[in-house]
Protein backbone atom coordinates (compact mmCIF):
# COMPACT_ATOMS: atom_id res chain seq x y z
CA UNK A 1 96.77 109.39 100.34
CA UNK A 2 95.27 106.52 98.77
CA UNK A 3 96.74 104.41 96.06
CA UNK A 4 97.72 105.44 92.51
CA UNK A 5 94.51 104.31 90.65
CA UNK A 6 92.65 106.15 93.17
CA UNK A 7 94.68 108.91 94.63
CA UNK A 8 93.96 112.35 94.40
CA UNK A 9 97.01 114.62 94.14
CA UNK A 10 96.11 118.58 94.49
CA UNK A 11 98.47 121.31 93.15
CA UNK A 12 98.23 123.61 95.34
CA UNK A 13 97.91 127.53 93.25
CA UNK A 14 99.38 130.28 95.29
CA UNK A 15 96.95 132.86 95.95
CA UNK A 16 96.98 136.85 96.70
CA UNK A 17 98.12 136.58 100.27
CA UNK A 18 96.29 133.25 101.02
CA UNK A 19 92.39 134.07 99.79
CA UNK A 20 89.48 132.79 101.79
CA UNK A 21 85.67 132.06 101.43
CA UNK A 22 83.41 132.49 104.72
CA UNK A 23 80.23 132.94 105.53
CA UNK A 24 77.09 135.18 108.11
CA UNK A 25 74.13 134.42 109.43
CA UNK A 26 71.01 137.87 109.34
CA UNK A 27 72.70 141.06 110.13
CA UNK A 28 71.47 143.16 112.61
CA UNK A 29 73.37 146.28 110.58
CA UNK A 30 75.57 149.41 112.19
CA UNK A 31 75.84 149.43 115.88
CA UNK A 32 74.14 152.36 117.53
CA UNK A 33 73.28 153.02 121.33
CA UNK A 34 69.39 151.73 120.51
CA UNK A 35 70.43 148.09 119.52
CA UNK A 36 69.78 145.43 121.42
CA UNK A 37 71.95 142.78 119.90
CA UNK A 38 73.51 140.04 122.18
CA UNK A 39 77.04 139.77 121.64
CA UNK A 40 79.30 136.57 121.86
CA UNK A 41 82.54 137.41 122.17
CA UNK A 42 85.13 135.25 120.32
CA UNK A 43 88.24 133.92 122.46
CA UNK A 44 91.58 133.71 120.88
CA UNK A 45 91.58 129.82 118.97
CA UNK A 46 92.79 126.79 121.11
CA UNK A 47 92.75 123.23 120.65
CA UNK A 48 88.91 121.59 121.38
CA UNK A 49 89.36 119.20 124.86
CA UNK A 50 89.00 116.03 123.74
CA UNK A 51 86.01 113.97 125.31
CA UNK A 52 87.38 111.61 127.72
CA UNK A 53 86.25 108.51 125.43
CA UNK A 54 88.81 109.70 122.71
CA UNK A 55 91.91 110.62 124.73
CA UNK A 56 94.73 108.31 126.01
CA UNK A 57 97.09 109.12 128.99
CA UNK A 58 100.19 108.06 126.97
CA UNK A 59 103.53 110.34 128.46
CA UNK A 60 105.89 112.06 125.40
CA UNK A 61 108.91 110.83 125.02
CA UNK A 62 111.43 111.37 127.76
CA UNK A 63 114.96 113.84 126.42
CA UNK A 64 114.47 116.90 123.74
CA UNK A 65 116.45 114.73 120.98
CA UNK A 66 115.22 113.52 117.95
CA UNK A 67 115.67 109.51 117.79
CA UNK A 68 113.84 107.99 114.61
CA UNK A 69 114.70 104.90 116.29
CA UNK A 70 113.33 105.38 119.25
CA UNK A 71 110.13 107.23 118.01
CA UNK A 72 109.22 104.35 115.46
CA UNK A 73 109.93 101.63 118.27
CA UNK A 74 107.13 103.66 120.53
CA UNK A 75 104.61 104.53 118.28
CA UNK A 76 104.26 102.60 115.25
CA UNK A 77 102.21 100.08 117.34
CA UNK A 78 99.67 102.61 117.16
CA UNK A 79 99.56 103.47 113.38
CA UNK A 80 97.41 101.37 111.43
CA UNK A 81 97.01 100.54 107.71
CA UNK A 82 93.11 101.22 106.41
CA UNK A 83 91.30 99.09 103.62
CA UNK A 84 88.26 100.96 102.83
CA UNK A 85 85.81 99.64 100.33
CA UNK A 86 82.46 101.14 98.46
CA UNK A 87 81.02 98.02 97.81
CA UNK A 88 81.18 94.22 98.25
CA UNK A 89 84.89 93.44 99.40
CA UNK A 90 84.45 90.49 97.11
CA UNK A 91 83.54 91.83 93.84
CA UNK A 92 86.52 92.70 91.72
CA UNK A 93 84.39 96.03 90.21
CA UNK A 94 84.34 97.56 93.84
CA UNK A 95 86.76 100.29 94.69
CA UNK A 96 88.95 100.77 96.88
CA UNK A 97 91.11 102.70 99.06
CA UNK A 98 94.26 102.30 101.33
CA UNK A 99 95.16 104.91 103.45
CA UNK A 100 97.02 105.00 107.22
CA UNK A 101 95.60 105.89 110.47
CA UNK A 102 96.78 105.90 114.33
CA UNK A 103 95.40 105.06 117.54
CA UNK A 104 94.23 107.80 119.73
CA UNK A 105 92.03 106.36 122.84
CA UNK A 106 92.15 103.16 124.61
CA UNK A 107 88.44 103.09 123.66
CA UNK A 108 89.16 102.07 120.15
CA UNK A 109 88.92 105.64 118.21
CA UNK A 110 91.50 106.15 115.35
CA UNK A 111 91.85 109.14 113.46
CA UNK A 112 92.83 109.25 109.63
CA UNK A 113 91.76 111.44 106.50
CA UNK A 114 88.23 111.76 105.68
CA UNK A 115 89.08 111.30 102.14
CA UNK A 116 90.41 107.98 102.96
CA UNK A 117 86.95 106.69 104.73
CA UNK A 118 85.13 108.50 101.99
CA UNK A 119 85.02 109.20 98.16
CA UNK A 120 85.43 112.81 99.02
CA UNK A 121 87.59 114.90 96.31
CA UNK A 122 85.93 112.44 93.41
CA UNK A 123 82.58 112.96 93.44
CA UNK A 124 80.31 115.49 94.37
CA UNK A 125 78.00 112.92 96.11
CA UNK A 126 79.98 112.26 99.12
CA UNK A 127 79.50 108.13 99.79
CA UNK A 128 80.97 106.89 103.06
CA UNK A 129 82.65 103.73 102.22
CA UNK A 130 80.50 100.77 103.24
CA UNK A 131 83.41 98.24 104.56
CA UNK A 132 86.25 99.29 106.65
CA UNK A 133 88.90 97.11 107.99
CA UNK A 134 92.54 98.17 110.11
CA UNK A 135 95.49 96.30 109.63
CA UNK A 136 97.79 96.59 112.86
CA UNK A 137 101.80 96.78 112.50
CA UNK A 138 101.84 92.74 113.69
CA UNK A 139 99.75 92.10 110.45
CA UNK A 140 96.19 91.44 112.34
CA UNK A 141 93.40 93.31 110.67
CA UNK A 142 90.02 93.82 112.06
CA UNK A 143 86.95 95.51 110.88
CA UNK A 144 86.12 99.13 111.78
CA UNK A 145 83.26 101.40 111.31
CA UNK A 146 83.22 104.90 110.92
CA UNK A 147 82.67 107.20 113.71
CA UNK A 148 82.08 110.24 111.40
CA UNK A 149 84.37 112.67 109.14
CA UNK A 150 85.28 116.39 108.45
CA UNK A 151 85.88 117.37 104.76
CA UNK A 152 86.65 120.80 105.24
CA UNK A 153 89.87 120.04 107.42
CA UNK A 154 90.40 116.78 106.29
CA UNK A 155 89.65 114.84 109.37
CA UNK A 156 88.13 111.50 109.56
CA UNK A 157 87.39 109.37 112.71
CA UNK A 158 86.97 105.50 112.79
CA UNK A 159 86.35 102.91 115.51
CA UNK A 160 87.14 99.62 116.23
CA UNK A 161 86.08 97.12 119.09
CA UNK A 162 88.39 97.78 121.97
CA UNK A 163 88.52 94.26 122.59
CA UNK A 164 89.75 92.91 119.18
CA UNK A 165 93.15 93.62 119.22
CA UNK A 166 95.53 95.19 121.50
CA UNK A 167 95.56 98.80 121.68
CA UNK A 168 98.95 101.30 121.57
CA UNK A 169 97.56 105.07 121.50
CA UNK A 170 99.80 107.67 120.23
CA UNK A 171 99.60 110.67 122.33
CA UNK A 172 98.96 113.85 121.00
CA UNK A 173 100.64 116.85 121.00
CA UNK A 174 100.12 120.80 120.16
CA UNK A 175 100.32 121.70 116.78
CA UNK A 176 100.23 125.80 117.70
CA UNK A 177 104.24 125.18 119.28
CA UNK A 178 105.17 123.99 115.69
CA UNK A 179 108.70 126.01 114.54
CA UNK A 180 110.26 125.83 110.84
CA UNK A 181 113.11 124.00 111.27
CA UNK A 182 112.24 121.62 114.01
CA UNK A 183 113.14 117.54 112.68
CA UNK A 184 109.63 115.37 112.35
CA UNK A 185 108.70 111.42 111.40
CA UNK A 186 105.90 110.21 109.69
CA UNK A 187 104.45 106.80 109.93
CA UNK A 188 102.37 105.65 107.34
CA UNK A 189 101.74 102.94 104.28
CA UNK A 190 102.99 104.64 101.19
CA UNK A 191 102.62 102.47 98.16
CA UNK A 192 100.73 99.84 100.19
CA UNK A 193 104.14 99.59 102.11
CA UNK A 194 102.81 99.04 105.97
CA UNK A 195 104.77 100.29 108.88
CA UNK A 196 107.28 102.21 107.11
CA UNK A 197 109.27 105.75 108.56
CA UNK A 198 110.48 108.45 107.17
CA UNK A 199 111.96 111.46 108.43
CA UNK A 200 112.05 115.32 107.70
CA UNK A 201 111.95 118.73 109.42
CA UNK A 202 109.06 121.29 109.02
CA UNK A 203 109.34 123.46 105.93
CA UNK A 204 106.69 126.05 106.66
CA UNK A 205 103.85 126.34 108.65
CA UNK A 206 100.53 128.24 108.70
CA UNK A 207 99.69 127.44 105.26
CA UNK A 208 97.12 127.78 102.92
CA UNK A 209 96.33 124.49 100.97
CA UNK A 210 93.07 123.79 98.87
CA UNK A 211 91.09 121.15 100.40
CA UNK A 212 90.93 118.38 98.28
CA UNK A 213 87.73 117.07 99.74
CA UNK A 214 85.47 120.49 99.53
CA UNK A 215 87.10 122.74 96.54
CA UNK A 216 85.84 125.86 97.61
CA UNK A 217 87.64 126.05 100.85
CA UNK A 218 90.59 125.73 102.02
CA UNK A 219 93.12 124.38 105.05
CA UNK A 220 95.00 127.17 107.06
CA UNK A 221 97.60 126.41 109.53
CA UNK A 222 98.18 123.05 107.42
CA UNK A 223 102.27 122.22 108.06
CA UNK A 224 104.32 121.72 105.31
CA UNK A 225 107.03 119.13 105.31
CA UNK A 226 109.89 117.82 103.50
CA UNK A 227 109.48 114.43 105.23
CA UNK A 228 108.75 111.92 102.15
CA UNK A 229 105.31 110.86 101.85
CA UNK A 230 103.16 109.34 98.83
CA UNK A 231 100.37 107.66 97.99
CA UNK A 232 99.10 105.70 100.89
CA UNK A 233 100.55 107.77 103.74
CA UNK A 234 97.24 110.15 103.89
CA UNK A 235 96.32 109.54 107.47
CA UNK A 236 99.16 108.51 108.94
CA UNK A 237 100.87 110.77 112.06
CA UNK A 238 103.54 113.11 111.88
CA UNK A 239 105.51 113.26 114.79
CA UNK A 240 107.85 115.72 116.71
CA UNK A 241 110.71 114.70 118.92
CA UNK A 242 109.17 113.33 121.51
CA UNK A 243 106.37 111.46 119.85
CA UNK A 244 103.57 113.82 119.79
CA UNK A 245 101.41 113.72 117.01
CA UNK A 246 101.38 117.74 115.64
CA UNK A 247 99.33 116.73 112.54
CA UNK A 248 97.78 113.90 110.29
CA UNK A 249 99.22 113.49 106.77
CA UNK A 250 97.37 114.91 103.93
CA UNK A 251 98.63 115.78 101.06
CA UNK A 252 102.04 116.29 98.87
CA UNK A 253 102.28 119.00 95.69
CA UNK A 254 104.75 117.96 93.35
CA UNK A 255 106.15 119.22 89.78
CA UNK A 256 104.43 116.33 87.76
CA UNK A 257 101.07 116.31 89.31
CA UNK A 258 101.25 112.96 90.29
CA UNK A 259 102.38 112.47 93.54
CA UNK A 260 105.06 109.73 92.20
CA UNK A 261 107.96 112.10 91.97
CA UNK A 262 109.61 113.60 95.35
CA UNK A 263 107.45 116.48 96.61
CA UNK A 264 106.31 118.68 99.15
CA UNK A 265 104.57 117.18 101.93
CA UNK A 266 101.27 118.71 104.23
CA UNK A 267 99.52 117.66 107.34
CA UNK A 268 96.23 118.70 108.89
CA UNK A 269 97.54 120.51 112.29
CA UNK A 270 96.36 118.38 114.76
CA UNK A 271 94.92 120.91 116.99
CA UNK A 272 91.61 121.76 113.95
CA UNK A 273 91.15 117.89 114.50
CA UNK A 274 90.99 117.74 117.91
CA UNK A 275 88.03 119.87 116.95
CA UNK A 276 86.85 117.38 114.83
CA UNK A 277 86.89 114.59 117.01
CA UNK A 278 85.26 116.10 120.30
CA UNK A 279 82.38 117.15 117.45
CA UNK A 280 82.25 114.00 115.48
CA UNK A 281 82.24 111.98 119.50
CA UNK A 282 79.43 114.81 120.78
CA UNK A 283 77.10 114.42 117.73
CA UNK A 284 78.37 112.64 115.09
CA UNK A 285 79.20 115.87 112.49
CA UNK A 286 81.43 118.71 112.51
CA UNK A 287 79.47 122.62 112.00
CA UNK A 288 81.67 125.50 111.19
CA UNK A 289 80.49 129.38 111.35
CA UNK A 290 79.56 130.97 107.67
CA UNK A 291 79.89 134.45 106.78
CA UNK A 292 79.69 134.32 103.38
CA UNK A 293 82.88 136.81 101.90
CA UNK A 294 85.81 136.30 100.17
CA UNK A 295 89.21 137.95 101.32
CA UNK A 296 92.56 138.61 100.55
CA UNK A 297 95.48 139.69 103.01
CA UNK A 298 96.28 143.54 102.97
CA UNK A 299 100.00 143.94 103.55
CA UNK A 300 101.80 147.42 103.73
CA UNK A 301 102.59 147.70 100.44
CA UNK A 302 99.27 147.01 99.18
CA UNK A 303 97.53 149.59 101.46
CA UNK A 304 100.06 152.27 99.86
CA UNK A 305 99.90 151.32 96.57
CA UNK A 306 96.01 151.25 97.06
CA UNK A 307 95.25 153.97 99.24
CA UNK A 308 93.86 152.13 102.10
CA UNK A 309 94.30 154.00 105.47
CA UNK A 310 95.19 150.88 107.45
CA UNK A 311 98.37 148.48 106.69
CA UNK A 312 96.98 145.02 107.56
CA UNK A 313 93.56 143.15 107.72
CA UNK A 314 91.87 140.88 105.28
CA UNK A 315 90.48 143.15 102.28
CA UNK A 316 86.91 141.45 101.45
CA UNK A 317 86.92 141.10 97.50
CA UNK A 318 83.97 139.71 96.84
CA UNK A 319 80.07 138.89 98.53
CA UNK A 320 77.87 136.51 97.60
CA UNK A 321 74.28 137.36 96.49
CA UNK A 322 72.14 136.65 99.06
CA UNK A 323 74.49 135.71 101.64
CA UNK A 324 74.48 136.79 105.39
CA UNK A 325 77.33 138.91 104.95
CA UNK A 326 75.23 140.90 102.08
CA UNK A 327 72.51 141.10 104.48
CA UNK A 328 74.86 142.29 107.41
CA UNK A 329 75.95 145.04 104.69
CA UNK A 330 80.09 144.14 104.10
CA UNK A 331 81.07 145.05 101.13
CA UNK A 332 83.06 143.59 98.20
CA UNK A 333 85.55 145.18 95.97
CA UNK A 334 84.20 146.90 92.81
CA UNK A 335 87.39 147.06 90.52
CA UNK A 336 89.82 145.25 89.53
CA UNK A 337 93.78 146.45 89.23
CA UNK A 338 96.88 145.18 88.19
CA UNK A 339 99.42 145.61 91.38
CA UNK A 340 102.89 144.91 92.46
CA UNK A 341 102.58 141.97 89.54
CA UNK A 342 99.41 140.85 90.97
CA UNK A 343 95.80 141.15 89.85
CA UNK A 344 93.66 142.29 93.16
CA UNK A 345 89.87 143.30 93.43
CA UNK A 346 89.91 146.56 95.26
CA UNK A 347 87.23 149.12 96.64
CA UNK A 348 85.50 146.50 99.33
CA UNK A 349 85.74 147.30 103.34
CA UNK A 350 89.03 145.60 104.98
CA UNK A 351 88.52 143.76 108.35
CA UNK A 352 90.72 145.04 111.27
CA UNK A 353 89.24 142.98 113.84
CA UNK A 354 86.37 140.53 115.30
CA UNK A 355 84.66 141.01 118.67
CA UNK A 356 87.96 143.14 119.42
CA UNK A 357 90.67 140.30 118.16
CA UNK A 358 93.06 142.11 115.32
CA UNK A 359 92.53 140.90 111.67
CA UNK A 360 96.00 140.86 110.23
CA UNK A 361 95.18 138.87 107.26
CA UNK A 362 92.78 136.51 105.59
CA UNK A 363 93.38 133.63 106.82
CA UNK A 364 93.11 135.19 110.45
CA UNK A 365 89.17 135.70 110.31
CA UNK A 366 88.96 132.11 109.40
CA UNK A 367 91.15 130.76 111.94
CA UNK A 368 88.78 133.04 114.22
CA UNK A 369 85.53 132.72 112.86
CA UNK A 370 86.12 128.88 112.10
CA UNK A 371 87.56 127.61 115.47
CA UNK A 372 86.36 130.35 117.87
CA UNK A 373 82.70 131.20 116.97
CA UNK A 374 79.66 128.68 116.51
CA UNK A 375 77.04 128.87 113.91
CA UNK A 376 74.28 131.50 115.49
CA UNK A 377 76.80 133.51 117.51
CA UNK A 378 76.54 137.21 117.16
CA UNK A 379 79.94 138.63 116.28
CA UNK A 380 81.18 142.42 116.02
CA UNK A 381 83.09 142.72 112.50
CA UNK A 382 85.21 146.12 112.67
CA UNK A 383 85.62 147.06 109.23
CA UNK A 384 87.42 150.34 107.42
CA UNK A 385 85.12 152.09 104.97
CA UNK A 386 86.49 155.08 102.58
CA UNK A 387 89.17 155.61 105.54
CA UNK A 388 86.66 155.11 108.85
CA UNK A 389 86.04 152.55 111.20
CA UNK A 390 82.67 151.15 111.21
CA UNK A 391 81.40 148.17 113.84
CA UNK A 392 79.01 145.94 111.88
CA UNK A 393 77.41 143.30 114.31
CA UNK A 394 76.74 139.98 112.51
CA UNK A 395 74.37 136.51 113.46
CA UNK A 396 76.65 133.52 112.02
CA UNK A 397 75.19 130.79 109.93
CA UNK A 398 76.12 127.66 109.37
CA UNK A 399 78.67 126.64 106.74
CA UNK A 400 76.65 124.26 104.19
CA UNK A 401 78.32 122.06 101.30
CA UNK A 402 78.47 123.56 98.09
CA UNK A 403 76.15 122.22 95.48
CA UNK A 404 77.21 120.11 92.26
């Protein structure tokens, strides 16, 4: 995260089952035998393949034992401190930010958070840092430039001239394989203290947390850890026992709300970051499909109390007016009820499948639409309405940043 004067610490409020905001494009109505819609089948979410320029042939550490000293010795040369200046670096009035990052390619690509290299989270008008500098573990500092950023998953990508400094890329792992209880290590520059190692364990997976860069949306599959991280740690790697990056340290949640006391850390899953990197290098921006619905997870207890005929799914709470979801005929809730010590908006459709892929909760909808489908794809949503299963074909639109 940034230094205290510029830091943004998010305290994430617990939502019923993990709410999600999505969207859809122009709907084609109810499916029947006369429908000529070409449907693009969603595939199970998989990490995007990195382009050759962003890949590195670095072997993981041998063995399965967790050795922090060995991890630090092998990976710290690839971890950097990033200095961002929103104006003239020589001016005292210039806003400054400091975070961490790590080299992923011998071509000079470095991963970090979007809030390290932009003012996202502090202003509705996103501004990129005018000047970026990267400092390596040996103290050598070189100039860098921004390749781009993904505000939705809080991923930033910068690049340095590979001839400016010897590069030691850090291998990327598979965040889908992360398990609760496994030991992890974080390397970064907390409070400006460069090249700092902290260790802990993964305390939870598949967390749905508010994105500090785009308040309306959530980051799903975030990795929760008790590994100590604080301001300045943002953008640094969360490493497994074999020295592979499984997440990008991004947020802390503390009792005081200022991040200066002990708290819980959250990391962006590296599989999501791979998707961002692939798109940023290919086209300079990241696009996501959009549906225009807000959902909550339907559990067996809620289904029983609310009278739904299915035990699992994503209950549509609301559909934005004029949104693609509304045009497709999806229906949101009609009334609020107090149930199980919660206020629930009920009466809406329940999404149980998308292109045949089962939907057991709100995060499944986000995961499938965001990482398995693209804008303009046509997908088939299977919903339960008034106890009956129906299929709706929808054309996905592109997610856009909320105004204001």
